[in-house]
Protein backbone atom coordinates (compact mmCIF):
# COMPACT_ATOMS: atom_id res chain seq x y z
CA PHE A 1 218.49 136.68 57.36
CA ALA A 2 221.91 137.40 58.83
CA CYS A 3 223.46 139.97 61.13
CA ARG A 4 226.34 142.00 59.69
CA GLY A 5 228.23 142.06 63.01
CA ALA A 6 231.04 139.56 63.50
CA ALA A 7 230.53 139.43 67.29
CA CYS A 8 227.15 137.72 66.86
CA TYR A 9 228.81 134.82 65.03
CA ARG A 10 230.72 133.88 68.17
CA LEU A 11 227.48 133.10 69.98
CA PRO A 12 226.85 129.44 70.91
CA GLY A 13 224.53 127.27 68.85
CA PRO A 14 224.55 125.59 65.44
CA ARG A 15 223.22 128.57 63.47
CA GLY A 16 224.56 131.70 65.19
CA PRO A 17 222.69 134.91 64.28
CA LEU A 18 221.05 133.33 61.22
CA CYS A 19 217.43 132.51 60.45
CA VAL A 20 215.64 131.30 57.35
CA PHE A 21 211.98 131.55 56.34
CA ARG A 22 210.04 129.86 53.54
CA ASN A 23 207.33 131.55 51.52
CA GLN A 24 205.33 129.95 48.68
CA LEU A 25 203.50 132.70 46.84
CA PRO A 26 200.89 131.77 44.23
CA ARG A 27 201.49 133.07 40.74
CA ARG A 28 198.90 135.79 41.30
CA ASN A 29 199.96 137.72 44.40
CA ASP A 30 200.17 141.28 45.73
CA THR A 31 203.96 141.53 45.52
CA TYR A 32 205.21 140.31 42.15
CA SER A 33 203.87 140.33 38.62
CA GLU A 34 202.41 137.04 37.42
CA GLU A 35 204.27 137.47 34.12
CA PRO A 36 208.01 136.66 34.04
CA PRO A 37 210.43 139.42 32.98
CA PRO A 38 211.45 139.46 29.29
CA GLU A 39 214.41 137.25 28.44
CA GLU A 40 215.75 139.68 25.84
CA PRO A 41 217.79 142.58 27.28
CA PRO A 42 216.51 146.13 26.70
CA PRO A 43 217.82 147.85 23.55
CA ASP A 44 219.60 150.61 25.46
CA PRO A 45 222.69 149.71 27.52
CA PRO A 46 222.04 149.70 31.28
CA SER A 47 223.28 152.66 33.25
CA SER A 48 224.72 150.41 35.94
CA PRO A 49 226.37 146.96 36.09
CA PRO A 50 223.76 144.39 34.95
CA SER A 51 224.46 142.03 37.86
CA ARG A 52 223.18 144.53 40.43
CA LEU A 53 219.44 144.83 40.93
CA ARG A 54 218.14 148.34 40.36
CA ALA A 55 214.41 147.66 39.86
CA GLY A 56 211.54 145.87 41.52
CA ALA A 57 209.42 146.51 44.59
CA ALA A 58 210.35 149.55 46.69
CA LEU A 59 212.19 148.32 49.78
CA CYS A 60 212.86 150.04 53.07
CA ARG A 61 216.44 151.36 53.10
CA VAL A 62 216.90 150.27 56.71
CA CYS A 63 215.49 146.73 56.95
CA GLY A 64 214.77 145.66 53.36
CA CYS A 65 211.03 145.02 53.91
CA LEU A 66 208.42 146.48 51.58
CA GLY A 67 208.61 150.28 51.75
CA PRO A 68 205.22 151.89 51.00
CA ARG A 69 206.34 155.20 52.55
CA VAL A 70 208.71 157.58 50.75
CA CYS A 71 210.73 160.57 51.87
CA GLY A 72 208.52 163.65 51.50
CA ARG A 73 211.44 165.73 50.31
CA CYS A 74 213.24 163.69 47.63
CA ARG A 75 210.37 161.23 46.96
CA ARG A 76 212.89 158.46 46.24
CA ALA A 77 214.03 156.92 49.52
CA ALA A 78 211.51 154.27 50.64
CA TYR A 79 210.71 153.15 54.20
CA CYS A 80 208.48 150.66 55.94
CA SER A 81 207.72 152.88 58.95
CA PRO A 82 208.25 156.36 60.42
CA GLU A 83 210.77 154.89 62.88
CA HIS A 84 213.08 153.63 60.13
CA GLN A 85 212.70 156.87 58.19
CA ALA A 86 213.78 158.83 61.26
CA LEU A 87 216.71 156.45 61.86
CA ASP A 88 217.91 156.78 58.27
CA TRP A 89 217.58 160.58 58.46
CA ARG A 90 219.85 160.71 61.49
CA ARG A 91 222.34 158.27 59.95
CA GLY A 92 223.02 160.35 56.84
CA HIS A 93 219.98 160.69 54.57
CA ARG A 94 219.61 164.33 55.61
CA ARG A 95 222.88 165.07 53.77
CA SER A 96 222.07 163.19 50.54
CA CYS A 97 218.40 164.09 50.46
CA GLY A 98 218.96 167.73 49.51
CA GLN A 99 220.95 166.71 46.44
CA HIS A 100 217.96 164.80 45.04
CA ALA A 101 215.03 166.85 46.33
CA GLY A 102 212.31 167.80 43.87
CA GLY A 103 212.90 164.93 41.42
CA GLY A 104 214.71 167.13 38.90
CA GLY A 105 218.10 166.81 37.29
CA SER A 106 219.42 165.04 34.26
CA GLY A 107 221.37 161.85 33.66
CA ALA A 108 221.18 158.49 35.35
CA GLY A 109 223.20 159.55 38.37
CA SER A 110 220.84 162.37 39.37
CA ASP A 111 218.02 159.90 40.11
CA ALA A 112 220.07 157.61 42.33
CA ILE A 113 219.93 157.70 46.11
CA PRO A 114 223.23 156.49 47.63
CA GLU A 115 223.00 152.92 48.87
CA HIS A 116 222.79 152.34 52.60
CA ASN A 117 225.51 149.74 53.11
CA GLU A 118 225.46 150.22 56.88
CA PHE A 119 222.17 148.30 57.12
CA LEU A 120 221.49 146.24 54.00
CA PHE A 121 223.57 143.83 51.97
CA PRO A 122 223.85 144.60 48.24
CA GLU A 123 221.41 142.77 45.94
CA TYR A 124 222.33 140.68 42.91
CA GLU A 125 220.65 138.54 40.31
CA ILE A 126 221.22 134.79 40.80
CA LEU A 127 221.83 132.73 37.67
CA ILE A 128 220.77 129.07 37.89
CA GLU A 129 222.58 126.37 35.93
CA PRO A 130 222.71 122.56 36.23
CA GLU A 131 225.92 121.08 37.56
CA GLU A 132 228.24 119.34 35.12
CA PRO A 133 229.56 115.85 36.02
CA GLU A 134 232.77 115.75 38.03
CA PHE A 135 234.75 113.71 35.50
CA PRO A 136 233.64 113.70 31.85
CA ALA A 137 233.26 110.30 30.21
CA ASP A 138 236.17 110.98 27.84
CA SER A 139 238.49 112.12 30.60
CA SER A 140 241.78 110.26 30.66
CA ILE A 141 242.78 111.56 34.12
CA ASP A 142 242.84 109.05 36.92
CA PRO A 143 242.24 110.89 40.25
CA GLU A 144 244.29 108.33 42.16
CA ASP A 145 247.23 108.69 39.77
CA GLU A 146 246.95 112.44 40.05
CA GLN A 147 247.08 112.36 43.85
CA GLY A 148 250.02 109.98 43.84
CA ALA A 149 252.05 111.93 41.30
CA VAL A 150 255.68 112.74 42.15
CA ASP A 151 257.23 116.13 41.54
CA THR A 152 259.96 115.51 38.96
CA SER A 153 261.02 119.15 38.72
CA LYS A 154 263.63 118.66 41.47
CA ASP A 155 266.79 116.62 40.89
CA PRO A 156 267.00 113.19 42.62
CA LYS A 157 269.56 114.32 45.20
CA GLU A 158 267.36 117.21 46.39
CA GLN A 159 264.34 114.92 46.66
CA GLU A 160 266.31 112.46 48.78
CA GLU A 161 267.42 115.25 51.15
CA LEU A 162 263.81 116.41 51.60
CA ARG A 163 262.68 112.88 52.47
CA ALA A 164 265.50 112.51 55.02
CA THR A 165 264.64 115.84 56.67
CA GLY A 166 260.98 114.88 56.99
CA SER A 167 261.82 111.49 58.48
CA GLU A 168 264.03 113.05 61.17
CA ALA A 169 261.25 115.44 62.21
CA PHE A 170 258.71 112.63 62.65
CA GLN A 171 261.12 110.39 64.56
CA SER A 172 260.82 112.72 67.58
CA LEU A 173 257.07 111.92 67.91
CA ASP A 174 255.74 108.77 69.55
CA GLU A 175 253.80 106.23 67.53
CA GLU A 176 250.41 106.97 69.16
CA THR A 177 250.68 110.69 68.39
CA LEU A 178 251.69 109.98 64.82
CA GLU A 179 248.71 107.65 64.32
CA ALA A 180 246.28 110.22 65.73
CA MET A 181 247.73 112.98 63.57
CA ALA A 182 247.68 110.85 60.46
CA LYS A 183 244.09 109.71 60.97
CA HIS A 184 242.77 113.21 61.67
CA GLU A 185 244.66 114.82 58.81
CA THR A 186 243.65 112.09 56.39
CA GLU A 187 239.93 112.43 57.19
CA GLU A 188 239.95 116.23 57.20
CA ASP A 189 242.06 116.47 54.06
CA LYS A 190 239.78 114.03 52.24
CA ILE A 191 236.59 115.94 53.11
CA PHE A 192 238.06 119.34 52.30
CA GLN A 193 239.56 118.00 49.07
CA MET A 194 236.15 116.66 48.03
CA PHE A 195 234.66 120.08 48.73
CA LYS A 196 237.27 121.82 46.57
CA GLU A 197 236.81 119.34 43.72
CA ARG A 198 233.03 119.79 43.66
CA VAL A 199 233.21 123.57 43.43
CA ALA A 200 236.21 123.69 41.07
CA ALA A 201 233.99 123.61 37.97
CA GLU A 202 232.16 126.77 39.13
CA PRO A 203 234.30 128.47 41.77
CA GLU A 204 232.00 131.51 41.90
CA GLN A 205 228.87 129.54 42.83
CA ILE A 206 227.07 130.94 45.86
CA ILE A 207 224.24 128.40 46.25
CA ARG A 208 224.02 124.64 45.68
CA TYR A 209 220.41 123.44 45.39
CA CYS A 210 219.38 119.78 45.61
CA ARG A 211 216.08 119.32 47.43
CA GLY A 212 215.55 115.83 48.78
CA GLY A 213 218.42 114.35 46.81
CA GLU A 214 222.13 114.27 47.41
CA GLY A 215 223.15 115.81 50.72
CA PRO A 216 225.26 118.92 51.21
CA VAL A 217 228.94 119.16 50.37
CA TRP A 218 230.64 119.67 53.74
CA VAL A 219 233.80 121.72 54.18
CA SER A 220 234.95 119.80 57.26
CA GLY A 221 234.42 116.54 59.11
CA GLU A 222 233.63 118.52 62.27
CA ASN A 223 230.21 119.79 63.30
CA ILE A 224 228.16 117.73 60.84
CA PRO A 225 224.57 117.33 62.13
CA GLU A 226 222.99 113.97 62.73
CA GLU A 227 219.34 113.27 61.94
CA LYS A 228 218.34 113.95 65.56
CA ASP A 229 219.91 117.40 65.33
CA ILE A 230 217.49 118.50 62.59
CA PRO A 231 214.18 119.39 64.29
CA ASP A 232 210.89 118.43 62.68
CA CYS A 233 208.70 121.12 61.15
CA SER A 234 205.97 122.66 63.31
CA CYS A 235 203.44 120.64 61.26
CA GLY A 236 205.13 117.42 62.38
CA ALA A 237 206.82 116.52 59.09
CA LYS A 238 210.52 115.82 58.77
CA ARG A 239 212.83 118.50 57.45
CA ILE A 240 215.03 117.58 54.49
CA PHE A 241 218.07 119.21 52.91
CA GLU A 242 217.12 121.75 50.25
CA PHE A 243 220.13 123.99 49.55
CA GLN A 244 223.40 125.25 50.95
CA ILE A 245 224.99 128.70 50.83
CA MET A 246 228.64 128.68 49.85
CA PRO A 247 231.45 130.77 51.36
CA GLN A 248 231.99 132.53 48.01
CA LEU A 249 228.92 134.65 48.77
CA LEU A 250 230.97 136.50 51.39
CA ASN A 251 233.01 138.08 48.58
CA HIS A 252 229.89 139.93 47.38
CA LEU A 253 228.43 141.12 50.69
CA GLN A 254 230.93 143.93 51.39
CA VAL A 255 231.82 142.60 54.85
CA ASP A 256 235.57 142.27 54.44
CA SER A 257 236.78 144.23 57.49
CA LEU A 258 239.65 142.25 58.98
CA GLY A 259 238.64 140.72 62.30
CA GLU A 260 235.14 142.19 62.09
CA SER A 261 233.61 140.24 59.22
CA ILE A 262 230.89 137.62 59.32
CA ASP A 263 232.19 134.23 58.24
CA TRP A 264 231.16 130.65 57.55
CA GLY A 265 232.33 127.54 55.76
CA THR A 266 228.84 126.64 54.52
CA LEU A 267 225.24 127.30 55.58
CA VAL A 268 222.90 124.33 55.10
CA VAL A 269 219.12 124.84 54.95
CA TYR A 270 216.62 122.09 55.81
CA THR A 271 212.93 122.62 54.96
CA CYS A 272 209.61 120.88 55.54
CA ALA A 273 209.27 117.74 53.41
CA ASP A 274 205.48 118.36 53.09
CA ASN A 275 205.74 122.06 52.09
CA CYS A 276 203.22 123.07 54.74
CA GLY A 277 201.71 126.54 54.73
CA GLU A 278 200.48 128.69 51.88
CA GLY A 279 199.60 132.25 50.94
CA ASN A 280 201.43 135.01 52.79
CA GLU A 281 202.70 132.85 55.65
CA TYR A 282 206.42 132.71 56.38
CA PRO A 283 207.16 129.43 58.21
CA GLU A 284 210.58 129.38 59.85
CA GLU A 285 212.87 126.60 58.67
CA PHE A 286 216.18 125.26 60.01
CA ILE A 287 219.68 126.40 59.10
CA TRP A 288 222.96 124.78 60.15
CA LYS A 289 226.25 126.69 60.13
CA GLN A 290 229.52 124.84 59.59
CA ASP A 291 232.90 126.58 59.79
CA PHE A 292 236.13 125.59 58.13
CA SER A 293 238.26 123.34 60.32
CA ALA A 294 241.48 124.74 61.75
CA GLY A 295 243.55 122.64 59.36
CA SER A 296 241.64 123.50 56.16
């Protein structure tokens, strides 16, 4: 769960206004069908983009929890409580409700209640695929040769002038400052370059899942937690890395107001190694927020 407001993300602490809960429902439960959805698409073309979720359990338009109550006028807007129904009514549902009252009309658009982007993030289907290896076995590219390549598009004289200009600029700095700059930039560049290389194969990925195996792919060498920074579960078991949320997700959340948007480099989730709890319990787990470094 995350707040939409950017001001909350300036609060102190490793996670900011973020919290994560784990729920392990049995196959037979009161929320979801025990049978998986059909793999074959329906014969008729969908009336909306297939990546957006338009079906499933009725959710409250204000908080996203289960919404057993519906608007008595249009019978389409769902709510979890009278308080959220009243809040939504004041915030604009009173204007859209009259257009859909009575359940009549024709066409796909007449049945749709406008989305409430002020409160909830949009929902999407997540596609899961295994990660391909970084460098295929038949690859003839040597990463070291690639990094050490020289730009031959400029003529030799121009290249020599660029080297001379750079040397003069660095001569004005003392040796200690140069060493500190070089060390910091080398470490940060290496970590950020590794991050870019790992996501290059699937630049649109929003989640990387690897429970108990390889650790997260960090975006910076700063603010990486140590083992003592990850609290144990309430049952006493250690928490281990399970998945991380990538910055590409921000492109889909409709929070792109300049200076007012939520932001992160990566969000890393650690969960109970013993999978404690069962049924309808929602144990809280641990999330760590890492931002991009200033030089990335």
